Protein backbone atom coordinates (compact mmCIF):
# COMPACT_ATOMS: atom_id res chain seq x y z
CA MET A 1 45.43 -214.27 14.40
CA ARG A 2 43.52 -212.26 11.87
CA SER A 3 41.57 -209.26 12.99
CA PRO A 4 37.83 -209.70 13.41
CA ASN A 5 35.42 -208.11 10.99
CA PRO A 6 31.68 -207.51 11.21
CA GLN A 7 30.97 -210.21 8.61
CA ASP A 8 32.30 -212.89 10.98
CA MET A 9 29.82 -212.04 13.71
CA MET A 10 27.02 -211.52 11.19
CA ASN A 11 27.53 -215.04 9.87
CA ALA A 12 27.58 -216.42 13.42
CA SER A 13 24.36 -214.52 14.15
CA PHE A 14 22.61 -216.03 11.12
CA GLN A 15 23.71 -219.53 12.07
CA ALA A 16 22.52 -218.97 15.65
CA PHE A 17 19.16 -217.72 14.35
CA TRP A 18 18.65 -220.84 12.21
CA MET A 19 19.74 -223.10 15.05
CA MET A 20 17.20 -221.49 17.39
CA ALA A 21 14.42 -221.68 14.78
CA GLU A 22 15.14 -225.38 14.21
CA ALA A 23 15.27 -225.98 17.96
CA GLN A 24 11.84 -224.40 18.40
CA TRP A 25 10.47 -226.61 15.62
CA VAL A 26 11.94 -229.70 17.27
CA ILE A 27 10.47 -228.70 20.64
CA ALA A 28 7.05 -228.20 19.06
CA LEU A 29 7.19 -231.58 17.31
CA ARG A 30 8.31 -233.37 20.45
CA LEU A 31 5.61 -231.77 22.59
CA ALA A 32 3.01 -232.68 19.97
CA GLY A 33 4.40 -236.22 19.96
CA MET A 34 4.21 -236.52 23.72
CA ALA A 35 0.62 -235.27 23.62
CA GLY A 36 -0.23 -237.89 21.00
CA PHE A 37 -0.83 -235.47 18.14
CA TRP A 38 2.35 -236.35 16.20
CA PRO A 39 3.93 -239.72 15.49
CA MET A 40 7.02 -240.19 17.59
CA SER A 41 9.08 -243.15 18.75
CA ALA A 42 8.79 -244.24 22.37
CA SER A 43 12.50 -243.57 22.90
CA GLU A 44 12.27 -239.89 21.90
CA PRO A 45 11.94 -238.45 25.45
CA SER A 46 15.09 -240.20 26.65
CA ARG A 47 16.87 -239.33 23.41
CA MET A 48 16.15 -235.63 23.82
CA VAL A 49 17.74 -235.64 27.25
CA SER A 50 20.79 -237.75 26.44
CA GLU A 51 21.74 -235.93 23.24
CA LYS A 52 22.05 -232.58 25.02
CA LEU A 53 25.19 -233.63 26.88
CA ALA A 54 26.94 -234.87 23.74
CA ALA A 55 25.99 -231.76 21.76
CA GLY A 56 27.12 -229.44 24.56
CA GLN A 57 30.45 -231.20 24.87
CA ALA A 58 31.03 -231.12 21.11
CA SER A 59 30.20 -227.41 21.07
CA ALA A 60 32.58 -226.60 23.92
CA ILE A 61 35.41 -228.62 22.38
CA ALA A 62 34.93 -227.00 18.96
CA ALA A 63 34.91 -223.50 20.47
CA MET A 64 38.02 -224.25 22.52
CA LYS A 65 39.87 -225.59 19.47
CA ALA A 66 38.91 -222.55 17.41
CA GLY A 67 40.03 -220.19 20.15
CA MET A 68 43.32 -221.99 20.72
CA ALA A 69 43.97 -221.94 16.96
CA GLY A 70 43.84 -218.14 17.09
CA GLY A 71 40.37 -217.71 15.65
CA THR A 72 38.46 -214.47 15.85
CA PRO A 73 35.41 -214.22 18.11
CA GLY A 74 33.27 -214.92 15.04
CA ASP A 75 35.28 -218.07 14.28
CA VAL A 76 34.87 -219.28 17.86
CA ALA A 77 31.13 -218.56 17.79
CA LEU A 78 30.69 -220.39 14.48
CA ALA A 79 32.68 -223.35 15.77
CA ALA A 80 30.49 -223.50 18.89
CA ILE A 81 27.26 -223.27 16.90
CA LYS A 82 28.16 -225.84 14.23
CA PRO A 83 27.71 -229.04 16.33
CA LEU A 84 24.51 -227.71 17.87
CA ARG A 85 23.08 -226.72 14.50
CA ARG A 86 23.99 -230.09 13.03
CA ARG A 87 22.00 -231.78 15.81
CA THR A 88 18.95 -229.49 15.60
CA ARG A 89 18.84 -229.80 11.80
CA ALA A 90 19.06 -233.60 12.00
CA ASN A 91 16.34 -233.75 14.67
CA ALA A 92 14.01 -231.49 12.67
CA ARG A 93 14.45 -233.63 9.57
CA ARG A 94 14.01 -236.89 11.46
CA LEU A 95 10.91 -235.79 13.35
CA THR A 96 9.32 -234.29 10.25
CA ARG A 97 10.08 -237.41 8.22
CA ALA A 98 8.31 -239.50 10.87
CA VAL A 99 4.96 -238.32 9.53
CA GLY A 100 5.60 -239.72 6.07
CA GLN A 101 6.66 -243.04 7.54
CA ALA A 102 3.65 -243.32 9.86
CA LYS A 103 1.16 -243.65 6.98
């Protein structure tokens, strides 16, 4: 196991920041969609509930694998954030793209 350095946790912090910013954007788009101000598919409310379980499980598994492989705390944090960030980024792109397709 290599020793942790501040850069590891700094990188994890940046990834967590972007994940949270994307999550807030997705929440705003979904709320606007539910209120009728933003185009959104009818299956979006059930999708937003069901995807949380899969993303949480993927995050926990990735963090466990990184920890068992001898990763530093930064490595474990990055591994845990990666599946969540992948999902929030994909949702933000998909929901934003919905506007261009609604025309």
